[in-house]
Protein backbone atom coordinates (compact mmCIF):
# COMPACT_ATOMS: atom_id res chain seq x y z
CA UNK A 1 0.00 0.00 0.00
CA UNK A 2 2.71 2.48 1.02
CA UNK A 3 4.87 1.73 -2.00
CA UNK A 4 1.87 2.29 -4.27
CA UNK A 5 1.07 5.61 -2.59
CA UNK A 6 4.70 6.70 -2.83
CA UNK A 7 4.72 5.83 -6.53
CA UNK A 8 1.59 7.95 -7.12
CA UNK A 9 3.10 10.83 -5.16
CA UNK A 10 6.31 10.76 -7.21
CA UNK A 11 4.45 10.51 -10.52
CA UNK A 12 2.05 13.34 -9.64
CA UNK A 13 4.60 15.88 -8.41
CA UNK A 14 7.46 14.68 -10.58
CA UNK A 15 5.46 15.09 -13.78
CA UNK A 16 5.09 18.85 -13.41
CA UNK A 17 8.69 19.26 -12.27
CA UNK A 18 10.12 17.35 -15.23
CA UNK A 19 7.79 19.19 -17.64
CA UNK A 20 9.25 22.49 -16.43
CA UNK A 21 12.74 21.17 -17.15
CA UNK A 22 11.85 20.19 -20.73
CA UNK A 23 11.19 16.46 -20.49
CA UNK A 24 8.06 14.87 -21.99
CA UNK A 25 8.08 12.13 -19.36
CA UNK A 26 10.13 11.46 -16.27
CA UNK A 27 11.42 8.27 -17.92
CA UNK A 28 13.42 10.44 -20.33
CA UNK A 29 15.47 11.68 -17.39
CA UNK A 30 16.23 8.05 -16.48
CA UNK A 31 17.30 7.26 -20.02
CA UNK A 32 19.63 10.27 -20.18
CA UNK A 33 21.11 9.45 -16.77
CA UNK A 34 21.70 5.82 -17.78
CA UNK A 35 23.44 6.72 -21.05
CA UNK A 36 25.54 9.35 -19.27
CA UNK A 37 26.59 6.90 -16.58
CA UNK A 38 27.47 4.07 -18.96
CA UNK A 39 29.11 6.43 -21.53
CA UNK A 40 27.98 4.11 -24.37
CA UNK A 41 25.30 1.44 -24.44
CA UNK A 42 22.72 -0.19 -26.67
CA UNK A 43 19.07 0.76 -26.77
CA UNK A 44 18.12 -2.57 -25.25
CA UNK A 45 20.47 -2.09 -22.29
CA UNK A 46 18.96 1.33 -21.56
CA UNK A 47 15.40 0.01 -21.78
CA UNK A 48 16.09 -2.96 -19.51
CA UNK A 49 17.94 -0.79 -16.99
CA UNK A 50 14.99 1.62 -16.75
CA UNK A 51 12.29 -1.10 -16.70
CA UNK A 52 10.41 0.34 -19.69
CA UNK A 53 8.46 -1.64 -22.28
CA UNK A 54 10.52 -2.13 -25.44
CA UNK A 55 8.17 -0.35 -27.87
CA UNK A 56 7.70 2.60 -25.50
CA UNK A 57 11.44 2.81 -24.83
CA UNK A 58 12.29 2.72 -28.53
CA UNK A 59 9.82 5.57 -29.18
CA UNK A 60 11.34 7.64 -26.36
CA UNK A 61 14.88 7.02 -27.56
CA UNK A 62 13.91 7.90 -31.15
CA UNK A 63 12.33 11.16 -29.92
CA UNK A 64 15.44 11.95 -27.87
CA UNK A 65 17.67 11.36 -30.90
CA UNK A 66 15.45 13.70 -32.95
CA UNK A 67 15.71 16.32 -30.17
CA UNK A 68 19.52 15.90 -30.35
CA UNK A 69 19.77 14.80 -26.71
CA UNK A 70 21.23 11.43 -27.77
CA UNK A 71 23.10 10.23 -30.80
CA UNK A 72 23.71 6.75 -32.09
CA UNK A 73 26.72 5.36 -33.86
CA UNK A 74 27.45 1.94 -35.29
CA UNK A 75 29.45 -0.29 -32.95
CA UNK A 76 32.87 -0.87 -34.57
CA UNK A 77 33.16 -4.31 -32.91
CA UNK A 78 29.68 -5.52 -33.90
CA UNK A 79 28.32 -3.69 -36.91
CA UNK A 80 24.79 -5.02 -36.24
CA UNK A 81 24.51 -2.88 -33.11
CA UNK A 82 24.21 0.85 -32.66
CA UNK A 83 25.52 2.46 -29.50
CA UNK A 84 23.92 5.43 -27.79
CA UNK A 85 25.89 8.45 -26.63
CA UNK A 86 24.69 11.56 -24.82
CA UNK A 87 25.21 14.86 -26.68
CA UNK A 88 26.21 18.23 -25.24
CA UNK A 89 22.58 19.32 -25.50
CA UNK A 90 21.55 16.18 -23.59
CA UNK A 91 24.16 16.76 -20.88
CA UNK A 92 23.00 20.34 -20.46
CA UNK A 93 19.43 19.15 -20.00
CA UNK A 94 20.49 16.38 -17.62
CA UNK A 95 22.63 18.56 -15.38
C-alpha atoms as a PDB file:
ATOM      1  CA  UNK A   1       0.000   0.000   0.000  1.00  0.00           C
ATOM      2  CA  UNK A   2       2.707   2.483   1.022  1.00  0.00           C
ATOM      3  CA  UNK A   3       4.869   1.727  -1.999  1.00  0.00           C
ATOM      4  CA  UNK A   4       1.866   2.292  -4.269  1.00  0.00           C
ATOM      5  CA  UNK A   5       1.067   5.614  -2.587  1.00  0.00           C
ATOM      6  CA  UNK A   6       4.705   6.698  -2.827  1.00  0.00           C
ATOM      7  CA  UNK A   7       4.717   5.827  -6.526  1.00  0.00           C
ATOM      8  CA  UNK A   8       1.588   7.948  -7.120  1.00  0.00           C
ATOM      9  CA  UNK A   9       3.100  10.831  -5.160  1.00  0.00           C
ATOM     10  CA  UNK A  10       6.315  10.760  -7.207  1.00  0.00           C
ATOM     11  CA  UNK A  11       4.448  10.513 -10.515  1.00  0.00           C
ATOM     12  CA  UNK A  12       2.054  13.338  -9.642  1.00  0.00           C
ATOM     13  CA  UNK A  13       4.601  15.877  -8.408  1.00  0.00           C
ATOM     14  CA  UNK A  14       7.464  14.676 -10.583  1.00  0.00           C
ATOM     15  CA  UNK A  15       5.458  15.088 -13.781  1.00  0.00           C
ATOM     16  CA  UNK A  16       5.091  18.852 -13.408  1.00  0.00           C
ATOM     17  CA  UNK A  17       8.690  19.257 -12.270  1.00  0.00           C
ATOM     18  CA  UNK A  18      10.117  17.350 -15.227  1.00  0.00           C
ATOM     19  CA  UNK A  19       7.786  19.188 -17.644  1.00  0.00           C
ATOM     20  CA  UNK A  20       9.253  22.492 -16.427  1.00  0.00           C
ATOM     21  CA  UNK A  21      12.742  21.167 -17.153  1.00  0.00           C
ATOM     22  CA  UNK A  22      11.846  20.194 -20.734  1.00  0.00           C
ATOM     23  CA  UNK A  23      11.187  16.458 -20.493  1.00  0.00           C
ATOM     24  CA  UNK A  24       8.058  14.868 -21.995  1.00  0.00           C
ATOM     25  CA  UNK A  25       8.078  12.125 -19.364  1.00  0.00           C
ATOM     26  CA  UNK A  26      10.133  11.458 -16.272  1.00  0.00           C
ATOM     27  CA  UNK A  27      11.416   8.270 -17.925  1.00  0.00           C
ATOM     28  CA  UNK A  28      13.419  10.440 -20.325  1.00  0.00           C
ATOM     29  CA  UNK A  29      15.470  11.676 -17.389  1.00  0.00           C
ATOM     30  CA  UNK A  30      16.234   8.052 -16.477  1.00  0.00           C
ATOM     31  CA  UNK A  31      17.298   7.262 -20.025  1.00  0.00           C
ATOM     32  CA  UNK A  32      19.629  10.267 -20.181  1.00  0.00           C
ATOM     33  CA  UNK A  33      21.107   9.454 -16.773  1.00  0.00           C
ATOM     34  CA  UNK A  34      21.701   5.820 -17.777  1.00  0.00           C
ATOM     35  CA  UNK A  35      23.435   6.716 -21.048  1.00  0.00           C
ATOM     36  CA  UNK A  36      25.540   9.350 -19.273  1.00  0.00           C
ATOM     37  CA  UNK A  37      26.590   6.902 -16.575  1.00  0.00           C
ATOM     38  CA  UNK A  38      27.473   4.074 -18.960  1.00  0.00           C
ATOM     39  CA  UNK A  39      29.107   6.425 -21.534  1.00  0.00           C
ATOM     40  CA  UNK A  40      27.980   4.114 -24.367  1.00  0.00           C
ATOM     41  CA  UNK A  41      25.299   1.443 -24.439  1.00  0.00           C
ATOM     42  CA  UNK A  42      22.723  -0.186 -26.669  1.00  0.00           C
ATOM     43  CA  UNK A  43      19.067   0.763 -26.773  1.00  0.00           C
ATOM     44  CA  UNK A  44      18.116  -2.573 -25.250  1.00  0.00           C
ATOM     45  CA  UNK A  45      20.475  -2.086 -22.289  1.00  0.00           C
ATOM     46  CA  UNK A  46      18.962   1.330 -21.560  1.00  0.00           C
ATOM     47  CA  UNK A  47      15.401   0.012 -21.784  1.00  0.00           C
ATOM     48  CA  UNK A  48      16.086  -2.958 -19.507  1.00  0.00           C
ATOM     49  CA  UNK A  49      17.941  -0.787 -16.994  1.00  0.00           C
ATOM     50  CA  UNK A  50      14.987   1.621 -16.754  1.00  0.00           C
ATOM     51  CA  UNK A  51      12.285  -1.097 -16.701  1.00  0.00           C
ATOM     52  CA  UNK A  52      10.413   0.340 -19.691  1.00  0.00           C
ATOM     53  CA  UNK A  53       8.460  -1.637 -22.285  1.00  0.00           C
ATOM     54  CA  UNK A  54      10.524  -2.128 -25.441  1.00  0.00           C
ATOM     55  CA  UNK A  55       8.167  -0.353 -27.866  1.00  0.00           C
ATOM     56  CA  UNK A  56       7.700   2.602 -25.503  1.00  0.00           C
ATOM     57  CA  UNK A  57      11.436   2.806 -24.832  1.00  0.00           C
ATOM     58  CA  UNK A  58      12.290   2.716 -28.535  1.00  0.00           C
ATOM     59  CA  UNK A  59       9.824   5.566 -29.183  1.00  0.00           C
ATOM     60  CA  UNK A  60      11.338   7.638 -26.364  1.00  0.00           C
ATOM     61  CA  UNK A  61      14.883   7.020 -27.561  1.00  0.00           C
ATOM     62  CA  UNK A  62      13.907   7.897 -31.145  1.00  0.00           C
ATOM     63  CA  UNK A  63      12.333  11.156 -29.921  1.00  0.00           C
ATOM     64  CA  UNK A  64      15.443  11.947 -27.869  1.00  0.00           C
ATOM     65  CA  UNK A  65      17.669  11.364 -30.902  1.00  0.00           C
ATOM     66  CA  UNK A  66      15.446  13.702 -32.954  1.00  0.00           C
ATOM     67  CA  UNK A  67      15.714  16.325 -30.171  1.00  0.00           C
ATOM     68  CA  UNK A  68      19.523  15.902 -30.346  1.00  0.00           C
ATOM     69  CA  UNK A  69      19.767  14.798 -26.708  1.00  0.00           C
ATOM     70  CA  UNK A  70      21.225  11.434 -27.769  1.00  0.00           C
ATOM     71  CA  UNK A  71      23.100  10.229 -30.801  1.00  0.00           C
ATOM     72  CA  UNK A  72      23.706   6.748 -32.092  1.00  0.00           C
ATOM     73  CA  UNK A  73      26.721   5.357 -33.860  1.00  0.00           C
ATOM     74  CA  UNK A  74      27.447   1.943 -35.295  1.00  0.00           C
ATOM     75  CA  UNK A  75      29.449  -0.288 -32.955  1.00  0.00           C
ATOM     76  CA  UNK A  76      32.869  -0.872 -34.570  1.00  0.00           C
ATOM     77  CA  UNK A  77      33.162  -4.305 -32.909  1.00  0.00           C
ATOM     78  CA  UNK A  78      29.682  -5.521 -33.899  1.00  0.00           C
ATOM     79  CA  UNK A  79      28.316  -3.689 -36.911  1.00  0.00           C
ATOM     80  CA  UNK A  80      24.794  -5.021 -36.241  1.00  0.00           C
ATOM     81  CA  UNK A  81      24.515  -2.878 -33.109  1.00  0.00           C
ATOM     82  CA  UNK A  82      24.210   0.850 -32.664  1.00  0.00           C
ATOM     83  CA  UNK A  83      25.519   2.464 -29.498  1.00  0.00           C
ATOM     84  CA  UNK A  84      23.917   5.429 -27.788  1.00  0.00           C
ATOM     85  CA  UNK A  85      25.892   8.453 -26.626  1.00  0.00           C
ATOM     86  CA  UNK A  86      24.692  11.560 -24.817  1.00  0.00           C
ATOM     87  CA  UNK A  87      25.208  14.856 -26.677  1.00  0.00           C
ATOM     88  CA  UNK A  88      26.213  18.228 -25.244  1.00  0.00           C
ATOM     89  CA  UNK A  89      22.581  19.319 -25.498  1.00  0.00           C
ATOM     90  CA  UNK A  90      21.546  16.176 -23.586  1.00  0.00           C
ATOM     91  CA  UNK A  91      24.162  16.762 -20.880  1.00  0.00           C
ATOM     92  CA  UNK A  92      23.001  20.345 -20.464  1.00  0.00           C
ATOM     93  CA  UNK A  93      19.427  19.155 -20.005  1.00  0.00           C
ATOM     94  CA  UNK A  94      20.488  16.378 -17.622  1.00  0.00           C
ATOM     95  CA  UNK A  95      22.625  18.559 -15.377  1.00  0.00           C
END
